[in-house]
Amino acid sequence: LHHWASDTLPAEVVLTWSNAVELRRLEVTLDTNLRRGLWKVMKARDLSEKPYRSDHLPPELVEAFDVEALINGAWRPLASARAIQTRRVRLTFDPVRTHALRMVFKTTYGAPVAKVYALRCD
């Protein structure tokens, strides 16, 4: 998956495969509005003029999500991420064979929608 945005929260992304796959890892790259920080640096005459780093988490960053697998016709929890503070989230879980994986995005740090820039699983 490359660049997905929800309409509201909570929101979900479902990945499906025609043949069952074995999964044990998930890596998600989330929106942190990197352009905002880069723009401040580009506008500054020197780095002491404006802070390069912020002490606040960007409102666009997803705060919490769950990962579930479709097993025997029912969604089963695999992993959760809470109080996220990084752009990239890596989760590992016990290996599972499935035809579908669902990510349920619960909250952000203020934005009304969730944005995912990349999603990889194996």
PDB file of N, CA and C in Angstrom:
ATOM      1  N   LEU A   1       0.862  -1.172   0.000  1.00  0.00           N
ATOM      2  CA  LEU A   1       0.000   0.000   0.000  1.00  0.00           C
ATOM      3  C   LEU A   1       0.900   1.224   0.000  1.00  0.00           C
ATOM      4  N   HIS A   2       0.578   2.171  -0.856  1.00  0.00           N
ATOM      5  CA  HIS A   2       1.319   3.434  -0.904  1.00  0.00           C
ATOM      6  C   HIS A   2       0.329   4.589  -0.916  1.00  0.00           C
ATOM      7  N   HIS A   3       0.387   5.405   0.090  1.00  0.00           N
ATOM      8  CA  HIS A   3      -0.389   6.618   0.292  1.00  0.00           C
ATOM      9  C   HIS A   3      -1.889   6.387   0.313  1.00  0.00           C
ATOM     10  N   TRP A   4      -2.402   6.266   1.504  1.00  0.00           N
ATOM     11  CA  TRP A   4      -3.831   6.103   1.758  1.00  0.00           C
ATOM     12  C   TRP A   4      -4.239   7.126   2.799  1.00  0.00           C
ATOM     13  N   ALA A   5      -5.440   7.681   2.639  1.00  0.00           N
ATOM     14  CA  ALA A   5      -5.984   8.614   3.625  1.00  0.00           C
ATOM     15  C   ALA A   5      -7.435   8.248   3.898  1.00  0.00           C
ATOM     16  N   SER A   6      -7.814   8.305   5.158  1.00  0.00           N
ATOM     17  CA  SER A   6      -9.189   8.000   5.546  1.00  0.00           C
ATOM     18  C   SER A   6     -10.073   9.217   5.310  1.00  0.00           C
ATOM     19  N   ASP A   7     -11.380   9.000   5.371  1.00  0.00           N
ATOM     20  CA  ASP A   7     -12.338  10.105   5.314  1.00  0.00           C
ATOM     21  C   ASP A   7     -12.664  10.609   6.710  1.00  0.00           C
ATOM     22  N   THR A   8     -12.639   9.693   7.688  1.00  0.00           N
ATOM     23  CA  THR A   8     -12.949  10.015   9.080  1.00  0.00           C
ATOM     24  C   THR A   8     -12.163   9.070   9.977  1.00  0.00           C
ATOM     25  N   LEU A   9     -12.380   9.201  11.269  1.00  0.00           N
ATOM     26  CA  LEU A   9     -11.827   8.272  12.254  1.00  0.00           C
ATOM     27  C   LEU A   9     -12.948   7.778  13.144  1.00  0.00           C
ATOM     28  N   PRO A  10     -12.948   6.558  13.572  1.00  0.00           N
ATOM     29  CA  PRO A  10     -11.989   5.515  13.216  1.00  0.00           C
ATOM     30  C   PRO A  10     -12.128   5.118  11.747  1.00  0.00           C
ATOM     31  N   ALA A  11     -11.079   4.485  11.232  1.00  0.00           N
ATOM     32  CA  ALA A  11     -11.044   4.074   9.832  1.00  0.00           C
ATOM     33  C   ALA A  11     -10.273   2.774   9.716  1.00  0.00           C
ATOM     34  N   GLU A  12     -10.508   2.054   8.635  1.00  0.00           N
ATOM     35  CA  GLU A  12      -9.794   0.788   8.457  1.00  0.00           C
ATOM     36  C   GLU A  12      -9.294   0.612   7.036  1.00  0.00           C
ATOM     37  N   VAL A  13      -8.198  -0.136   6.952  1.00  0.00           N
ATOM     38  CA  VAL A  13      -7.621  -0.576   5.686  1.00  0.00           C
ATOM     39  C   VAL A  13      -7.622  -2.096   5.725  1.00  0.00           C
ATOM     40  N   VAL A  14      -8.116  -2.715   4.671  1.00  0.00           N
ATOM     41  CA  VAL A  14      -8.131  -4.175   4.596  1.00  0.00           C
ATOM     42  C   VAL A  14      -7.299  -4.599   3.388  1.00  0.00           C
ATOM     43  N   LEU A  15      -6.311  -5.446   3.638  1.00  0.00           N
ATOM     44  CA  LEU A  15      -5.504  -6.035   2.566  1.00  0.00           C
ATOM     45  C   LEU A  15      -5.983  -7.462   2.371  1.00  0.00           C
ATOM     46  N   THR A  16      -6.154  -7.879   1.117  1.00  0.00           N
ATOM     47  CA  THR A  16      -6.605  -9.243   0.847  1.00  0.00           C
ATOM     48  C   THR A  16      -5.685  -9.926  -0.149  1.00  0.00           C
ATOM     49  N   TRP A  17      -5.615 -11.249  -0.041  1.00  0.00           N
ATOM     50  CA  TRP A  17      -4.831 -12.080  -0.947  1.00  0.00           C
ATOM     51  C   TRP A  17      -5.722 -13.208  -1.441  1.00  0.00           C
ATOM     52  N   SER A  18      -5.555 -13.608  -2.695  1.00  0.00           N
ATOM     53  CA  SER A  18      -6.373 -14.707  -3.237  1.00  0.00           C
ATOM     54  C   SER A  18      -5.972 -16.045  -2.625  1.00  0.00           C
ATOM     55  N   ASN A  19      -4.702 -16.210  -2.295  1.00  0.00           N
ATOM     56  CA  ASN A  19      -4.216 -17.415  -1.602  1.00  0.00           C
ATOM     57  C   ASN A  19      -3.754 -17.013  -0.204  1.00  0.00           C
ATOM     58  N   ALA A  20      -3.920 -17.900   0.739  1.00  0.00           N
ATOM     59  CA  ALA A  20      -3.487 -17.614   2.113  1.00  0.00           C
ATOM     60  C   ALA A  20      -1.984 -17.345   2.152  1.00  0.00           C
ATOM     61  N   VAL A  21      -1.599 -16.383   2.981  1.00  0.00           N
ATOM     62  CA  VAL A  21      -0.196 -16.042   3.170  1.00  0.00           C
ATOM     63  C   VAL A  21       0.140 -16.168   4.647  1.00  0.00           C
ATOM     64  N   GLU A  22       1.410 -16.410   4.944  1.00  0.00           N
ATOM     65  CA  GLU A  22       1.849 -16.432   6.336  1.00  0.00           C
ATOM     66  C   GLU A  22       2.467 -15.081   6.659  1.00  0.00           C
ATOM     67  N   LEU A  23       1.968 -14.455   7.715  1.00  0.00           N
ATOM     68  CA  LEU A  23       2.441 -13.136   8.133  1.00  0.00           C
ATOM     69  C   LEU A  23       2.957 -13.200   9.556  1.00  0.00           C
ATOM     70  N   ARG A  24       4.000 -12.393   9.810  1.00  0.00           N
ATOM     71  CA  ARG A  24       4.541 -12.307  11.171  1.00  0.00           C
ATOM     72  C   ARG A  24       5.070 -10.908  11.491  1.00  0.00           C
ATOM     73  N   ARG A  25       5.081 -10.043  10.472  1.00  0.00           N
ATOM     74  CA  ARG A  25       5.593  -8.680  10.674  1.00  0.00           C
ATOM     75  C   ARG A  25       4.766  -7.675   9.894  1.00  0.00           C
ATOM     76  N   LEU A  26       4.716  -6.466  10.426  1.00  0.00           N
ATOM     77  CA  LEU A  26       4.031  -5.364   9.747  1.00  0.00           C
ATOM     78  C   LEU A  26       4.857  -4.107   9.975  1.00  0.00           C
ATOM     79  N   GLU A  27       5.086  -3.358   8.913  1.00  0.00           N
ATOM     80  CA  GLU A  27       5.775  -2.070   9.012  1.00  0.00           C
ATOM     81  C   GLU A  27       4.891  -1.015   8.366  1.00  0.00           C
ATOM     82  N   VAL A  28       4.611   0.036   9.114  1.00  0.00           N
ATOM     83  CA  VAL A  28       3.726   1.099   8.650  1.00  0.00           C
ATOM     84  C   VAL A  28       4.478   2.417   8.700  1.00  0.00           C
ATOM     85  N   THR A  29       4.403   3.201   7.628  1.00  0.00           N
ATOM     86  CA  THR A  29       4.974   4.546   7.607  1.00  0.00           C
ATOM     87  C   THR A  29       3.815   5.532   7.627  1.00  0.00           C
ATOM     88  N   LEU A  30       3.785   6.367   8.650  1.00  0.00           N
ATOM     89  CA  LEU A  30       2.669   7.284   8.900  1.00  0.00           C
ATOM     90  C   LEU A  30       3.026   8.718   8.537  1.00  0.00           C
ATOM     91  N   ASP A  31       2.003   9.553   8.453  1.00  0.00           N
ATOM     92  CA  ASP A  31       2.191  10.977   8.164  1.00  0.00           C
ATOM     93  C   ASP A  31       2.648  11.695   9.430  1.00  0.00           C
ATOM     94  N   THR A  32       3.758  12.426   9.316  1.00  0.00           N
ATOM     95  CA  THR A  32       4.214  13.286  10.407  1.00  0.00           C
ATOM     96  C   THR A  32       4.356  14.726   9.931  1.00  0.00           C
ATOM     97  N   ASN A  33       3.846  15.009   8.742  1.00  0.00           N
ATOM     98  CA  ASN A  33       3.934  16.330   8.140  1.00  0.00           C
ATOM     99  C   ASN A  33       5.371  16.850   8.189  1.00  0.00           C
ATOM    100  N   LEU A  34       6.259  16.067   7.591  1.00  0.00           N
ATOM    101  CA  LEU A  34       7.679  16.444   7.563  1.00  0.00           C
ATOM    102  C   LEU A  34       7.905  17.772   6.859  1.00  0.00           C
ATOM    103  N   ARG A  35       7.027  18.128   5.935  1.00  0.00           N
ATOM    104  CA  ARG A  35       7.198  19.390   5.207  1.00  0.00           C
ATOM    105  C   ARG A  35       7.154  20.583   6.143  1.00  0.00           C
ATOM    106  N   ARG A  36       6.337  20.505   7.194  1.00  0.00           N
ATOM    107  CA  ARG A  36       6.240  21.629   8.125  1.00  0.00           C
ATOM    108  C   ARG A  36       7.601  21.914   8.746  1.00  0.00           C
ATOM    109  N   GLY A  37       8.281  20.879   9.250  1.00  0.00           N
ATOM    110  CA  GLY A  37       9.599  21.062   9.862  1.00  0.00           C
ATOM    111  C   GLY A  37      10.648  21.492   8.852  1.00  0.00           C
ATOM    112  N   LEU A  38      10.613  20.920   7.657  1.00  0.00           N
ATOM    113  CA  LEU A  38      11.576  21.278   6.615  1.00  0.00           C
ATOM    114  C   LEU A  38      11.391  22.721   6.193  1.00  0.00           C
ATOM    115  N   TRP A  39      10.139  23.173   6.070  1.00  0.00           N
ATOM    116  CA  TRP A  39       9.861  24.550   5.668  1.00  0.00           C
ATOM    117  C   TRP A  39      10.447  25.530   6.683  1.00  0.00           C
ATOM    118  N   LYS A  40      10.340  25.226   7.977  1.00  0.00           N
ATOM    119  CA  LYS A  40      10.906  26.104   9.003  1.00  0.00           C
ATOM    120  C   LYS A  40      12.420  26.213   8.851  1.00  0.00           C
ATOM    121  N   VAL A  41      13.072  25.108   8.568  1.00  0.00           N
ATOM    122  CA  VAL A  41      14.526  25.119   8.402  1.00  0.00           C
ATOM    123  C   VAL A  41      14.907  25.906   7.157  1.00  0.00           C
ATOM    124  N   MET A  42      14.164  25.695   6.071  1.00  0.00           N
ATOM    125  CA  MET A  42      14.474  26.378   4.814  1.00  0.00           C
ATOM    126  C   MET A  42      14.287  27.884   4.943  1.00  0.00           C
ATOM    127  N   LYS A  43      13.318  28.333   5.736  1.00  0.00           N
ATOM    128  CA  LYS A  43      13.058  29.760   5.901  1.00  0.00           C
ATOM    129  C   LYS A  43      14.032  30.427   6.875  1.00  0.00           C
ATOM    130  N   ALA A  44      14.647  29.649   7.746  1.00  0.00           N
ATOM    131  CA  ALA A  44      15.552  30.214   8.748  1.00  0.00           C
ATOM    132  C   ALA A  44      16.876  30.602   8.104  1.00  0.00           C
ATOM    133  N   ARG A  45      17.441  31.688   8.566  1.00  0.00           N
ATOM    134  CA  ARG A  45      18.761  32.084   8.071  1.00  0.00           C
ATOM    135  C   ARG A  45      19.838  31.205   8.673  1.00  0.00           C
ATOM    136  N   ASP A  46      19.642  30.791   9.894  1.00  0.00           N
ATOM    137  CA  ASP A  46      20.491  29.787  10.517  1.00  0.00           C
ATOM    138  C   ASP A  46      19.627  28.987  11.471  1.00  0.00           C
ATOM    139  N   LEU A  47      20.119  27.839  11.897  1.00  0.00           N
ATOM    140  CA  LEU A  47      19.298  26.940  12.710  1.00  0.00           C
ATOM    141  C   LEU A  47      18.966  27.503  14.086  1.00  0.00           C
ATOM    142  N   SER A  48      19.723  28.498  14.558  1.00  0.00           N
ATOM    143  CA  SER A  48      19.414  29.076  15.864  1.00  0.00           C
ATOM    144  C   SER A  48      18.224  30.031  15.774  1.00  0.00           C
ATOM    145  N   GLU A  49      17.894  30.464  14.555  1.00  0.00           N
ATOM    146  CA  GLU A  49      16.800  31.406  14.374  1.00  0.00           C
ATOM    147  C   GLU A  49      15.440  30.753  14.643  1.00  0.00           C
ATOM    148  N   LYS A  50      15.268  29.508  14.208  1.00  0.00           N
ATOM    149  CA  LYS A  50      14.022  28.783  14.432  1.00  0.00           C
ATOM    150  C   LYS A  50      14.368  27.355  14.841  1.00  0.00           C
ATOM    151  N   PRO A  51      13.606  26.797  15.736  1.00  0.00           N
ATOM    152  CA  PRO A  51      13.924  25.431  16.180  1.00  0.00           C
ATOM    153  C   PRO A  51      13.706  24.429  15.052  1.00  0.00           C
ATOM    154  N   TYR A  52      14.663  23.515  14.907  1.00  0.00           N
ATOM    155  CA  TYR A  52      14.554  22.458  13.903  1.00  0.00           C
ATOM    156  C   TYR A  52      13.609  21.377  14.369  1.00  0.00           C
ATOM    157  N   ARG A  53      13.633  21.104  15.661  1.00  0.00           N
ATOM    158  CA  ARG A  53      12.782  20.053  16.227  1.00  0.00           C
ATOM    159  C   ARG A  53      11.707  20.678  17.104  1.00  0.00           C
ATOM    160  N   SER A  54      10.582  20.025  17.120  1.00  0.00           N
ATOM    161  CA  SER A  54       9.476  20.479  17.955  1.00  0.00           C
ATOM    162  C   SER A  54       9.318  19.523  19.131  1.00  0.00           C
ATOM    163  N   ASP A  55       8.879  20.050  20.248  1.00  0.00           N
ATOM    164  CA  ASP A  55       8.592  19.205  21.402  1.00  0.00           C
ATOM    165  C   ASP A  55       7.190  18.618  21.314  1.00  0.00           C
ATOM    166  N   HIS A  56       6.419  19.017  20.318  1.00  0.00           N
ATOM    167  CA  HIS A  56       5.045  18.583  20.175  1.00  0.00           C
ATOM    168  C   HIS A  56       4.922  17.579  19.034  1.00  0.00           C
ATOM    169  N   LEU A  57       4.071  16.597  19.236  1.00  0.00           N
ATOM    170  CA  LEU A  57       3.807  15.634  18.184  1.00  0.00           C
ATOM    171  C   LEU A  57       2.861  16.273  17.173  1.00  0.00           C
ATOM    172  N   PRO A  58       3.096  16.041  15.880  1.00  0.00           N
ATOM    173  CA  PRO A  58       2.233  16.660  14.868  1.00  0.00           C
ATOM    174  C   PRO A  58       0.814  16.085  14.941  1.00  0.00           C
ATOM    175  N   PRO A  59      -0.193  16.916  14.734  1.00  0.00           N
ATOM    176  CA  PRO A  59      -1.576  16.435  14.804  1.00  0.00           C
ATOM    177  C   PRO A  59      -1.875  15.363  13.753  1.00  0.00           C
ATOM    178  N   GLU A  60      -1.126  15.328  12.665  1.00  0.00           N
ATOM    179  CA  GLU A  60      -1.341  14.350  11.595  1.00  0.00           C
ATOM    180  C   GLU A  60      -0.912  12.937  11.980  1.00  0.00           C
ATOM    181  N   LEU A  61      -0.052  12.812  12.969  1.00  0.00           N
ATOM    182  CA  LEU A  61       0.481  11.499  13.341  1.00  0.00           C
ATOM    183  C   LEU A  61      -0.596  10.628  13.986  1.00  0.00           C
ATOM    184  N   VAL A  62      -0.714   9.394  13.504  1.00  0.00           N
ATOM    185  CA  VAL A  62      -1.644   8.440  14.105  1.00  0.00           C
ATOM    186  C   VAL A  62      -1.164   8.131  15.519  1.00  0.00           C
ATOM    187  N   GLU A  63      -2.075   8.149  16.465  1.00  0.00           N
ATOM    188  CA  GLU A  63      -1.749   7.876  17.864  1.00  0.00           C
ATOM    189  C   GLU A  63      -1.950   6.402  18.220  1.00  0.00           C
ATOM    190  N   ALA A  64      -2.966   5.757  17.595  1.00  0.00           N
ATOM    191  CA  ALA A  64      -3.277   4.379  17.973  1.00  0.00           C
ATOM    192  C   ALA A  64      -3.928   3.632  16.812  1.00  0.00           C
ATOM    193  N   PHE A  65      -3.522   2.354  16.651  1.00  0.00           N
ATOM    194  CA  PHE A  65      -4.191   1.483  15.692  1.00  0.00           C
ATOM    195  C   PHE A  65      -4.068   0.029  16.130  1.00  0.00           C
ATOM    196  N   ASP A  66      -4.965  -0.794  15.610  1.00  0.00           N
ATOM    197  CA  ASP A  66      -4.976  -2.239  15.862  1.00  0.00           C
ATOM    198  C   ASP A  66      -4.768  -2.981  14.553  1.00  0.00           C
ATOM    199  N   VAL A  67      -4.203  -4.185  14.652  1.00  0.00           N
ATOM    200  CA  VAL A  67      -4.010  -5.055  13.489  1.00  0.00           C
ATOM    201  C   VAL A  67      -4.735  -6.364  13.762  1.00  0.00           C
ATOM    202  N   GLU A  68      -5.522  -6.805  12.772  1.00  0.00           N
ATOM    203  CA  GLU A  68      -6.304  -8.030  12.910  1.00  0.00           C
ATOM    204  C   GLU A  68      -6.148  -8.877  11.656  1.00  0.00           C
ATOM    205  N   ALA A  69      -6.291 -10.193  11.815  1.00  0.00           N
ATOM    206  CA  ALA A  69      -6.245 -11.125  10.687  1.00  0.00           C
ATOM    207  C   ALA A  69      -7.577 -11.860  10.614  1.00  0.00           C
ATOM    208  N   LEU A  70      -8.017 -12.130   9.392  1.00  0.00           N
ATOM    209  CA  LEU A  70      -9.237 -12.904   9.191  1.00  0.00           C
ATOM    210  C   LEU A  70      -8.875 -14.383   9.243  1.00  0.00           C
ATOM    211  N   ILE A  71      -9.331 -15.064  10.297  1.00  0.00           N
ATOM    212  CA  ILE A  71      -9.010 -16.480  10.512  1.00  0.00           C
ATOM    213  C   ILE A  71     -10.315 -17.232  10.748  1.00  0.00           C
ATOM    214  N   ASN A  72     -10.560 -18.230   9.908  1.00  0.00           N
ATOM    215  CA  ASN A  72     -11.794 -19.027  10.003  1.00  0.00           C
ATOM    216  C   ASN A  72     -13.043 -18.148  10.029  1.00  0.00           C
ATOM    217  N   GLY A  73     -13.029 -17.092   9.194  1.00  0.00           N
ATOM    218  CA  GLY A  73     -14.207 -16.242   9.052  1.00  0.00           C
ATOM    219  C   GLY A  73     -14.394 -15.176  10.111  1.00  0.00           C
ATOM    220  N   ALA A  74     -13.466 -15.046  11.051  1.00  0.00           N
ATOM    221  CA  ALA A  74     -13.591 -14.034  12.105  1.00  0.00           C
ATOM    222  C   ALA A  74     -12.306 -13.223  12.219  1.00  0.00           C
ATOM    223  N   TRP A  75     -12.443 -11.933  12.537  1.00  0.00           N
ATOM    224  CA  TRP A  75     -11.279 -11.076  12.739  1.00  0.00           C
ATOM    225  C   TRP A  75     -10.673 -11.357  14.113  1.00  0.00           C
ATOM    226  N   ARG A  76      -9.387 -11.676  14.129  1.00  0.00           N
ATOM    227  CA  ARG A  76      -8.651 -11.986  15.361  1.00  0.00           C
ATOM    228  C   ARG A  76      -7.539 -10.946  15.557  1.00  0.00           C
ATOM    229  N   PRO A  77      -7.394 -10.423  16.783  1.00  0.00           N
ATOM    230  CA  PRO A  77      -6.342  -9.429  17.039  1.00  0.00           C
ATOM    231  C   PRO A  77      -4.947 -10.036  16.905  1.00  0.00           C
ATOM    232  N   LEU A  78      -4.050  -9.282  16.269  1.00  0.00           N
ATOM    233  CA  LEU A  78      -2.643  -9.696  16.139  1.00  0.00           C
ATOM    234  C   LEU A  78      -1.719  -8.796  16.939  1.00  0.00           C
ATOM    235  N   ALA A  79      -1.962  -7.477  16.851  1.00  0.00           N
ATOM    236  CA  ALA A  79      -1.068  -6.516  17.504  1.00  0.00           C
ATOM    237  C   ALA A  79      -1.783  -5.176  17.625  1.00  0.00           C
ATOM    238  N   SER A  80      -1.253  -4.342  18.501  1.00  0.00           N
ATOM    239  CA  SER A  80      -1.756  -2.976  18.669  1.00  0.00           C
ATOM    240  C   SER A  80      -0.579  -2.036  18.798  1.00  0.00           C
ATOM    241  N   ALA A  81      -0.781  -0.805  18.383  1.00  0.00           N
ATOM    242  CA  ALA A  81       0.214   0.246  18.576  1.00  0.00           C
ATOM    243  C   ALA A  81      -0.492   1.405  19.272  1.00  0.00           C
ATOM    244  N   ARG A  82       0.065   1.863  20.371  1.00  0.00           N
ATOM    245  CA  ARG A  82      -0.524   2.947  21.155  1.00  0.00           C
ATOM    246  C   ARG A  82       0.550   3.983  21.473  1.00  0.00           C
ATOM    247  N   ALA A  83       0.114   5.209  21.668  1.00  0.00           N
ATOM    248  CA  ALA A  83       1.011   6.324  22.020  1.00  0.00           C
ATOM    249  C   ALA A  83       2.189   6.402  21.054  1.00  0.00           C
ATOM    250  N   ILE A  84       1.898   6.274  19.767  1.00  0.00           N
ATOM    251  CA  ILE A  84       2.929   6.285  18.718  1.00  0.00           C
ATOM    252  C   ILE A  84       3.607   7.650  18.683  1.00  0.00           C
ATOM    253  N   GLN A  85       4.928   7.649  18.568  1.00  0.00           N
ATOM    254  CA  GLN A  85       5.668   8.904  18.512  1.00  0.00           C
ATOM    255  C   GLN A  85       6.667   8.931  17.363  1.00  0.00           C
ATOM    256  N   THR A  86       6.597   7.957  16.468  1.00  0.00           N
ATOM    257  CA  THR A  86       7.535   7.883  15.348  1.00  0.00           C
ATOM    258  C   THR A  86       6.793   7.718  14.034  1.00  0.00           C
ATOM    259  N   ARG A  87       7.424   8.101  12.969  1.00  0.00           N
ATOM    260  CA  ARG A  87       6.856   7.984  11.629  1.00  0.00           C
ATOM    261  C   ARG A  87       6.715   6.522  11.211  1.00  0.00           C
ATOM    262  N   ARG A  88       7.702   5.692  11.548  1.00  0.00           N
ATOM    263  CA  ARG A  88       7.677   4.276  11.167  1.00  0.00           C
ATOM    264  C   ARG A  88       7.368   3.422  12.386  1.00  0.00           C
ATOM    265  N   VAL A  89       6.398   2.534  12.221  1.00  0.00           N
ATOM    266  CA  VAL A  89       6.002   1.624  13.295  1.00  0.00           C
ATOM    267  C   VAL A  89       6.230   0.203  12.798  1.00  0.00           C
ATOM    268  N   ARG A  90       6.997  -0.568  13.569  1.00  0.00           N
ATOM    269  CA  ARG A  90       7.264  -1.973  13.231  1.00  0.00           C
ATOM    270  C   ARG A  90       6.649  -2.856  14.304  1.00  0.00           C
ATOM    271  N   LEU A  91       5.792  -3.779  13.861  1.00  0.00           N
ATOM    272  CA  LEU A  91       5.144  -4.711  14.786  1.00  0.00           C
ATOM    273  C   LEU A  91       5.471  -6.136  14.380  1.00  0.00           C
ATOM    274  N   THR A  92       5.702  -6.992  15.366  1.00  0.00           N
ATOM    275  CA  THR A  92       5.878  -8.423  15.112  1.00  0.00           C
ATOM    276  C   THR A  92       4.832  -9.175  15.931  1.00  0.00           C
ATOM    277  N   PHE A  93       4.442 -10.323  15.416  1.00  0.00           N
ATOM    278  CA  PHE A  93       3.426 -11.123  16.094  1.00  0.00           C
ATOM    279  C   PHE A  93       3.658 -12.584  15.734  1.00  0.00           C
ATOM    280  N   ASP A  94       2.996 -13.477  16.450  1.00  0.00           N
ATOM    281  CA  ASP A  94       3.113 -14.905  16.148  1.00  0.00           C
ATOM    282  C   ASP A  94       2.672 -15.152  14.709  1.00  0.00           C
ATOM    283  N   PRO A  95       3.376 -16.001  13.960  1.00  0.00           N
ATOM    284  CA  PRO A  95       3.008 -16.265  12.567  1.00  0.00           C
ATOM    285  C   PRO A  95       1.558 -16.715  12.449  1.00  0.00           C
ATOM    286  N   VAL A  96       0.893 -16.204  11.404  1.00  0.00           N
ATOM    287  CA  VAL A  96      -0.500 -16.537  11.160  1.00  0.00           C
ATOM    288  C   VAL A  96      -0.716 -16.692   9.655  1.00  0.00           C
ATOM    289  N   ARG A  97      -1.549 -17.661   9.252  1.00  0.00           N
ATOM    290  CA  ARG A  97      -1.933 -17.833   7.844  1.00  0.00           C
ATOM    291  C   ARG A  97      -3.302 -17.200   7.660  1.00  0.00           C
ATOM    292  N   THR A  98      -3.413 -16.322   6.667  1.00  0.00           N
ATOM    293  CA  THR A  98      -4.647 -15.590   6.469  1.00  0.00           C
ATOM    294  C   THR A  98      -4.819 -15.177   5.013  1.00  0.00           C
ATOM    295  N   HIS A  99      -6.054 -14.844   4.658  1.00  0.00           N
ATOM    296  CA  HIS A  99      -6.377 -14.274   3.349  1.00  0.00           C
ATOM    297  C   HIS A  99      -6.567 -12.762   3.442  1.00  0.00           C
ATOM    298  N   ALA A 100      -6.660 -12.228   4.683  1.00  0.00           N
ATOM    299  CA  ALA A 100      -6.940 -10.803   4.849  1.00  0.00           C
ATOM    300  C   ALA A 100      -6.335 -10.260   6.138  1.00  0.00           C
ATOM    301  N   LEU A 101      -5.866  -9.021   6.056  1.00  0.00           N
ATOM    302  CA  LEU A 101      -5.298  -8.310   7.194  1.00  0.00           C
ATOM    303  C   LEU A 101      -6.025  -6.978   7.298  1.00  0.00           C
ATOM    304  N   ARG A 102      -6.420  -6.612   8.507  1.00  0.00           N
ATOM    305  CA  ARG A 102      -7.141  -5.344   8.704  1.00  0.00           C
ATOM    306  C   ARG A 102      -6.401  -4.488   9.715  1.00  0.00           C
ATOM    307  N   MET A 103      -6.226  -3.216   9.364  1.00  0.00           N
ATOM    308  CA  MET A 103      -5.681  -2.222  10.284  1.00  0.00           C
ATOM    309  C   MET A 103      -6.808  -1.263  10.623  1.00  0.00           C
ATOM    310  N   VAL A 104      -7.049  -1.084  11.917  1.00  0.00           N
ATOM    311  CA  VAL A 104      -8.103  -0.179  12.372  1.00  0.00           C
ATOM    312  C   VAL A 104      -7.430   1.014  13.047  1.00  0.00           C
ATOM    313  N   PHE A 105      -7.517   2.173  12.399  1.00  0.00           N
ATOM    314  CA  PHE A 105      -6.914   3.396  12.927  1.00  0.00           C
ATOM    315  C   PHE A 105      -7.904   4.054  13.868  1.00  0.00           C
ATOM    316  N   LYS A 106      -7.504   4.208  15.122  1.00  0.00           N
ATOM    317  CA  LYS A 106      -8.390   4.701  16.181  1.00  0.00           C
ATOM    318  C   LYS A 106      -8.360   6.221  16.296  1.00  0.00           C
ATOM    319  N   THR A 107      -7.140   6.774  16.500  1.00  0.00           N
ATOM    320  CA  THR A 107      -7.007   8.205  16.768  1.00  0.00           C
ATOM    321  C   THR A 107      -5.715   8.750  16.173  1.00  0.00           C
ATOM    322  N   THR A 108      -5.686  10.075  16.017  1.00  0.00           N
ATOM    323  CA  THR A 108      -4.462  10.805  15.691  1.00  0.00           C
ATOM    324  C   THR A 108      -4.213  11.756  16.859  1.00  0.00           C
ATOM    325  N   TYR A 109      -3.176  12.569  16.748  1.00  0.00           N
ATOM    326  CA  TYR A 109      -2.907  13.571  17.781  1.00  0.00           C
ATOM    327  C   TYR A 109      -3.655  14.878  17.507  1.00  0.00           C
ATOM    328  N   GLY A 110      -4.715  14.802  16.701  1.00  0.00           N
ATOM    329  CA  GLY A 110      -5.538  15.996  16.483  1.00  0.00           C
ATOM    330  C   GLY A 110      -6.182  16.086  15.108  1.00  0.00           C
ATOM    331  N   ALA A 111      -5.585  15.488  14.099  1.00  0.00           N
ATOM    332  CA  ALA A 111      -6.158  15.556  12.747  1.00  0.00           C
ATOM    333  C   ALA A 111      -7.425  14.700  12.670  1.00  0.00           C
ATOM    334  N   PRO A 112      -8.394  15.097  11.844  1.00  0.00           N
ATOM    335  CA  PRO A 112      -9.641  14.345  11.738  1.00  0.00           C
ATOM    336  C   PRO A 112      -9.548  13.104  10.855  1.00  0.00           C
ATOM    337  N   VAL A 113      -8.395  12.909  10.194  1.00  0.00           N
ATOM    338  CA  VAL A 113      -8.206  11.755   9.300  1.00  0.00           C
ATOM    339  C   VAL A 113      -6.851  11.113   9.575  1.00  0.00           C
ATOM    340  N   ALA A 114      -6.720   9.856   9.176  1.00  0.00           N
ATOM    341  CA  ALA A 114      -5.441   9.143   9.286  1.00  0.00           C
ATOM    342  C   ALA A 114      -4.819   9.051   7.899  1.00  0.00           C
ATOM    343  N   LYS A 115      -3.496   9.125   7.840  1.00  0.00           N
ATOM    344  CA  LYS A 115      -2.782   8.983   6.571  1.00  0.00           C
ATOM    345  C   LYS A 115      -1.664   7.959   6.737  1.00  0.00           C
ATOM    346  N   VAL A 116      -1.581   7.055   5.768  1.00  0.00           N
ATOM    347  CA  VAL A 116      -0.534   6.042   5.741  1.00  0.00           C
ATOM    348  C   VAL A 116       0.226   6.230   4.433  1.00  0.00           C
ATOM    349  N   TYR A 117       1.554   6.326   4.507  1.00  0.00           N
ATOM    350  CA  TYR A 117       2.361   6.489   3.304  1.00  0.00           C
ATOM    351  C   TYR A 117       2.874   5.172   2.767  1.00  0.00           C
ATOM    352  N   ALA A 118       3.072   4.189   3.614  1.00  0.00           N
ATOM    353  CA  ALA A 118       3.526   2.872   3.146  1.00  0.00           C
ATOM    354  C   ALA A 118       3.150   1.827   4.179  1.00  0.00           C
ATOM    355  N   LEU A 119       2.876   0.635   3.672  1.00  0.00           N
ATOM    356  CA  LEU A 119       2.522  -0.477   4.524  1.00  0.00           C
ATOM    357  C   LEU A 119       3.155  -1.728   3.925  1.00  0.00           C
ATOM    358  N   ARG A 120       3.944  -2.429   4.724  1.00  0.00           N
ATOM    359  CA  ARG A 120       4.591  -3.670   4.267  1.00  0.00           C
ATOM    360  C   ARG A 120       4.337  -4.757   5.291  1.00  0.00           C
ATOM    361  N   CYS A 121       4.068  -5.948   4.801  1.00  0.00           N
ATOM    362  CA  CYS A 121       3.906  -7.062   5.725  1.00  0.00           C
ATOM    363  C   CYS A 121       4.525  -8.301   5.127  1.00  0.00           C
ATOM    364  N   ASP A 122       5.031  -9.161   5.990  1.00  0.00           N
ATOM    365  CA  ASP A 122       5.567 -10.459   5.563  1.00  0.00           C
ATOM    366  C   ASP A 122       5.515 -11.426   6.729  1.00  0.00           C
TER     367      ASP A 122
END
